[in-house]
């Protein structure tokens, strides 16, 4: 028996590109959504009325990308942008009825996809995968000026 392929960067990149392409095609075909738009709907589902900056942070988007995304989603009737009552410069996003409906379908599709991703693996194996993928966020933070120990370079 040959040794397992341990080209982790290559395998992770190929898997991410294939999964992203599949998700984009499925979401667009079923709901007319991009994965970024789905992410906004998922986030607002638990935090309706969130600050746009908080949504951007949660989705790992730069403010300008989030602003454009919010504009497109507002034009599509999925979200409504309202000024923050405490800070006149800040804006909050709220799901519309259409956004709630599309979110419900997207959640069902995502649950089915997660089930497909876990097929053939035990709960213990999935726990290891989740732990490994989560650890990557700590090992490679958004702020690349910090190393693993959080020291500024």
C-alpha atoms as a PDB file:
ATOM      1  CA  UNK A   1       0.000   0.000   0.000  1.00  0.00           C
ATOM      2  CA  UNK A   2       1.366   3.414  -0.942  1.00  0.00           C
ATOM      3  CA  UNK A   3       1.714   6.316   1.467  1.00  0.00           C
ATOM      4  CA  UNK A   4      -1.124   8.852   1.491  1.00  0.00           C
ATOM      5  CA  UNK A   5      -0.708  12.013  -0.555  1.00  0.00           C
ATOM      6  CA  UNK A   6       0.469  14.649   1.926  1.00  0.00           C
ATOM      7  CA  UNK A   7       0.670  17.627  -0.425  1.00  0.00           C
ATOM      8  CA  UNK A   8      -1.682  19.479   1.876  1.00  0.00           C
ATOM      9  CA  UNK A   9      -1.477  22.883   0.204  1.00  0.00           C
ATOM     10  CA  UNK A  10      -2.148  21.395  -3.222  1.00  0.00           C
ATOM     11  CA  UNK A  11      -4.969  19.155  -1.986  1.00  0.00           C
ATOM     12  CA  UNK A  12      -6.588  21.958   0.002  1.00  0.00           C
ATOM     13  CA  UNK A  13      -6.420  24.378  -2.944  1.00  0.00           C
ATOM     14  CA  UNK A  14      -7.883  21.890  -5.416  1.00  0.00           C
ATOM     15  CA  UNK A  15     -10.643  20.905  -2.990  1.00  0.00           C
ATOM     16  CA  UNK A  16     -11.476  24.544  -2.253  1.00  0.00           C
ATOM     17  CA  UNK A  17     -11.650  25.500  -5.944  1.00  0.00           C
ATOM     18  CA  UNK A  18     -13.833  22.521  -6.866  1.00  0.00           C
ATOM     19  CA  UNK A  19     -16.160  23.010  -3.918  1.00  0.00           C
ATOM     20  CA  UNK A  20     -16.388  26.770  -4.529  1.00  0.00           C
ATOM     21  CA  UNK A  21     -17.193  26.221  -8.213  1.00  0.00           C
ATOM     22  CA  UNK A  22     -19.856  23.634  -7.342  1.00  0.00           C
ATOM     23  CA  UNK A  23     -21.404  25.859  -4.655  1.00  0.00           C
ATOM     24  CA  UNK A  24     -21.468  28.890  -6.970  1.00  0.00           C
ATOM     25  CA  UNK A  25     -23.177  26.870  -9.721  1.00  0.00           C
ATOM     26  CA  UNK A  26     -25.738  25.350  -7.344  1.00  0.00           C
ATOM     27  CA  UNK A  27     -26.552  28.598  -5.551  1.00  0.00           C
ATOM     28  CA  UNK A  28     -26.857  30.513  -8.808  1.00  0.00           C
ATOM     29  CA  UNK A  29     -29.065  27.827 -10.369  1.00  0.00           C
ATOM     30  CA  UNK A  30     -31.361  27.513  -7.367  1.00  0.00           C
ATOM     31  CA  UNK A  31     -31.467  30.973  -5.830  1.00  0.00           C
ATOM     32  CA  UNK A  32     -29.519  33.285  -8.109  1.00  0.00           C
ATOM     33  CA  UNK A  33     -27.055  33.821  -5.240  1.00  0.00           C
ATOM     34  CA  UNK A  34     -23.313  33.924  -4.950  1.00  0.00           C
ATOM     35  CA  UNK A  35     -21.672  32.232  -1.986  1.00  0.00           C
ATOM     36  CA  UNK A  36     -20.839  35.681  -0.564  1.00  0.00           C
ATOM     37  CA  UNK A  37     -24.508  36.661  -0.709  1.00  0.00           C
ATOM     38  CA  UNK A  38     -25.435  33.385   0.969  1.00  0.00           C
ATOM     39  CA  UNK A  39     -22.912  34.167   3.696  1.00  0.00           C
ATOM     40  CA  UNK A  40     -24.615  37.503   4.361  1.00  0.00           C
ATOM     41  CA  UNK A  41     -28.023  35.824   4.549  1.00  0.00           C
ATOM     42  CA  UNK A  42     -26.694  33.156   6.916  1.00  0.00           C
ATOM     43  CA  UNK A  43     -25.050  35.751   9.165  1.00  0.00           C
ATOM     44  CA  UNK A  44     -28.109  37.997   9.286  1.00  0.00           C
ATOM     45  CA  UNK A  45     -30.319  34.997  10.039  1.00  0.00           C
ATOM     46  CA  UNK A  46     -28.861  34.978  13.534  1.00  0.00           C
ATOM     47  CA  UNK A  47     -28.045  38.694  13.788  1.00  0.00           C
ATOM     48  CA  UNK A  48     -30.632  40.630  11.815  1.00  0.00           C
ATOM     49  CA  UNK A  49     -29.824  44.328  11.926  1.00  0.00           C
ATOM     50  CA  UNK A  50     -26.072  43.767  12.213  1.00  0.00           C
ATOM     51  CA  UNK A  51     -23.663  46.556  11.401  1.00  0.00           C
ATOM     52  CA  UNK A  52     -22.259  46.250   7.885  1.00  0.00           C
ATOM     53  CA  UNK A  53     -18.743  46.290   9.357  1.00  0.00           C
ATOM     54  CA  UNK A  54     -19.569  43.330  11.603  1.00  0.00           C
ATOM     55  CA  UNK A  55     -20.903  41.370   8.634  1.00  0.00           C
ATOM     56  CA  UNK A  56     -17.735  42.168   6.666  1.00  0.00           C
ATOM     57  CA  UNK A  57     -15.566  41.044   9.568  1.00  0.00           C
ATOM     58  CA  UNK A  58     -17.485  37.788   9.975  1.00  0.00           C
ATOM     59  CA  UNK A  59     -17.213  37.009   6.254  1.00  0.00           C
ATOM     60  CA  UNK A  60     -13.559  38.083   6.032  1.00  0.00           C
ATOM     61  CA  UNK A  61     -14.336  40.837   3.505  1.00  0.00           C
ATOM     62  CA  UNK A  62     -12.768  44.254   3.138  1.00  0.00           C
ATOM     63  CA  UNK A  63     -15.197  47.153   3.720  1.00  0.00           C
ATOM     64  CA  UNK A  64     -15.328  48.188   0.041  1.00  0.00           C
ATOM     65  CA  UNK A  65     -16.253  44.644  -1.036  1.00  0.00           C
ATOM     66  CA  UNK A  66     -18.921  44.473   1.663  1.00  0.00           C
ATOM     67  CA  UNK A  67     -20.366  47.798   0.595  1.00  0.00           C
ATOM     68  CA  UNK A  68     -20.708  46.640  -3.006  1.00  0.00           C
ATOM     69  CA  UNK A  69     -22.158  43.319  -1.874  1.00  0.00           C
ATOM     70  CA  UNK A  70     -24.730  45.094   0.296  1.00  0.00           C
ATOM     71  CA  UNK A  71     -25.625  47.368  -2.644  1.00  0.00           C
ATOM     72  CA  UNK A  72     -26.245  44.391  -4.941  1.00  0.00           C
ATOM     73  CA  UNK A  73     -28.257  42.540  -2.306  1.00  0.00           C
ATOM     74  CA  UNK A  74     -30.345  45.626  -1.588  1.00  0.00           C
ATOM     75  CA  UNK A  75     -31.088  46.065  -5.315  1.00  0.00           C
ATOM     76  CA  UNK A  76     -32.082  42.376  -5.450  1.00  0.00           C
ATOM     77  CA  UNK A  77     -34.526  42.967  -2.594  1.00  0.00           C
ATOM     78  CA  UNK A  78     -32.782  40.573  -0.184  1.00  0.00           C
ATOM     79  CA  UNK A  79     -31.682  43.081   2.449  1.00  0.00           C
ATOM     80  CA  UNK A  80     -32.575  46.561   3.574  1.00  0.00           C
ATOM     81  CA  UNK A  81     -29.940  49.032   4.709  1.00  0.00           C
ATOM     82  CA  UNK A  82     -30.867  51.378   7.562  1.00  0.00           C
ATOM     83  CA  UNK A  83     -28.779  53.959   9.427  1.00  0.00           C
ATOM     84  CA  UNK A  84     -27.572  53.028  12.882  1.00  0.00           C
ATOM     85  CA  UNK A  85     -29.466  55.007  15.524  1.00  0.00           C
ATOM     86  CA  UNK A  86     -26.367  55.472  17.704  1.00  0.00           C
ATOM     87  CA  UNK A  87     -23.877  56.375  14.949  1.00  0.00           C
ATOM     88  CA  UNK A  88     -25.086  58.354  11.953  1.00  0.00           C
ATOM     89  CA  UNK A  89     -22.110  57.175   9.869  1.00  0.00           C
ATOM     90  CA  UNK A  90     -22.822  53.461  10.373  1.00  0.00           C
ATOM     91  CA  UNK A  91     -25.362  51.302   8.553  1.00  0.00           C
ATOM     92  CA  UNK A  92     -27.197  48.161   9.563  1.00  0.00           C
ATOM     93  CA  UNK A  93     -28.483  45.352   7.342  1.00  0.00           C
ATOM     94  CA  UNK A  94     -31.882  43.728   7.768  1.00  0.00           C
ATOM     95  CA  UNK A  95     -33.317  40.741   5.946  1.00  0.00           C
ATOM     96  CA  UNK A  96     -36.382  41.406   3.818  1.00  0.00           C
ATOM     97  CA  UNK A  97     -39.190  38.874   3.366  1.00  0.00           C
ATOM     98  CA  UNK A  98     -37.553  37.831   0.086  1.00  0.00           C
ATOM     99  CA  UNK A  99     -34.196  37.528   1.867  1.00  0.00           C
ATOM    100  CA  UNK A 100     -35.737  35.316   4.543  1.00  0.00           C
ATOM    101  CA  UNK A 101     -37.288  33.069   1.896  1.00  0.00           C
ATOM    102  CA  UNK A 102     -34.069  32.753  -0.111  1.00  0.00           C
ATOM    103  CA  UNK A 103     -32.114  32.181   3.111  1.00  0.00           C
ATOM    104  CA  UNK A 104     -34.377  29.285   4.051  1.00  0.00           C
ATOM    105  CA  UNK A 105     -33.683  27.564   0.709  1.00  0.00           C
ATOM    106  CA  UNK A 106     -29.953  28.285   0.952  1.00  0.00           C
ATOM    107  CA  UNK A 107     -29.799  26.807   4.472  1.00  0.00           C
ATOM    108  CA  UNK A 108     -31.469  23.611   3.256  1.00  0.00           C
ATOM    109  CA  UNK A 109     -29.017  23.365   0.345  1.00  0.00           C
ATOM    110  CA  UNK A 110     -26.058  23.953   2.655  1.00  0.00           C
ATOM    111  CA  UNK A 111     -27.238  21.278   5.090  1.00  0.00           C
ATOM    112  CA  UNK A 112     -27.489  18.812   2.204  1.00  0.00           C
ATOM    113  CA  UNK A 113     -24.017  19.788   0.992  1.00  0.00           C
ATOM    114  CA  UNK A 114     -22.530  19.379   4.476  1.00  0.00           C
ATOM    115  CA  UNK A 115     -24.080  15.912   4.678  1.00  0.00           C
ATOM    116  CA  UNK A 116     -22.531  15.065   1.300  1.00  0.00           C
ATOM    117  CA  UNK A 117     -19.128  16.347   2.443  1.00  0.00           C
ATOM    118  CA  UNK A 118     -19.260  14.072   5.501  1.00  0.00           C
ATOM    119  CA  UNK A 119     -20.377  10.922   3.647  1.00  0.00           C
ATOM    120  CA  UNK A 120     -18.099   7.982   4.325  1.00  0.00           C
ATOM    121  CA  UNK A 121     -16.430   9.518   7.371  1.00  0.00           C
ATOM    122  CA  UNK A 122     -17.025   8.814  11.038  1.00  0.00           C
ATOM    123  CA  UNK A 123     -17.919  11.546  13.500  1.00  0.00           C
ATOM    124  CA  UNK A 124     -14.420  11.249  14.985  1.00  0.00           C
ATOM    125  CA  UNK A 125     -12.832  11.747  11.561  1.00  0.00           C
ATOM    126  CA  UNK A 126     -15.002  14.780  10.866  1.00  0.00           C
ATOM    127  CA  UNK A 127     -14.076  16.195  14.281  1.00  0.00           C
ATOM    128  CA  UNK A 128     -10.393  15.970  13.302  1.00  0.00           C
ATOM    129  CA  UNK A 129     -11.047  17.686   9.962  1.00  0.00           C
ATOM    130  CA  UNK A 130     -12.992  20.472  11.693  1.00  0.00           C
ATOM    131  CA  UNK A 131     -10.251  20.905  14.274  1.00  0.00           C
ATOM    132  CA  UNK A 132      -7.580  21.053  11.547  1.00  0.00           C
ATOM    133  CA  UNK A 133      -9.468  23.534   9.365  1.00  0.00           C
ATOM    134  CA  UNK A 134     -10.246  25.724  12.376  1.00  0.00           C
ATOM    135  CA  UNK A 135      -6.588  25.670  13.412  1.00  0.00           C
ATOM    136  CA  UNK A 136      -5.638  27.171  10.048  1.00  0.00           C
ATOM    137  CA  UNK A 137      -7.462  30.357  10.990  1.00  0.00           C
ATOM    138  CA  UNK A 138      -5.237  30.707  14.063  1.00  0.00           C
ATOM    139  CA  UNK A 139      -2.039  29.687  12.276  1.00  0.00           C
ATOM    140  CA  UNK A 140      -2.677  32.052   9.376  1.00  0.00           C
ATOM    141  CA  UNK A 141      -4.568  35.087  10.724  1.00  0.00           C
ATOM    142  CA  UNK A 142      -5.993  37.777   8.452  1.00  0.00           C
ATOM    143  CA  UNK A 143      -3.354  40.162   9.778  1.00  0.00           C
ATOM    144  CA  UNK A 144      -0.232  38.679   8.193  1.00  0.00           C
ATOM    145  CA  UNK A 145       1.977  41.094  10.097  1.00  0.00           C
ATOM    146  CA  UNK A 146       1.574  38.776  13.083  1.00  0.00           C
ATOM    147  CA  UNK A 147       3.175  35.341  13.337  1.00  0.00           C
ATOM    148  CA  UNK A 148       1.773  32.346  15.193  1.00  0.00           C
ATOM    149  CA  UNK A 149       2.618  33.785  18.584  1.00  0.00           C
ATOM    150  CA  UNK A 150       0.903  37.072  17.730  1.00  0.00           C
ATOM    151  CA  UNK A 151       4.168  38.997  17.633  1.00  0.00           C
ATOM    152  CA  UNK A 152       4.329  41.912  15.240  1.00  0.00           C
ATOM    153  CA  UNK A 153       6.970  41.510  12.558  1.00  0.00           C
END
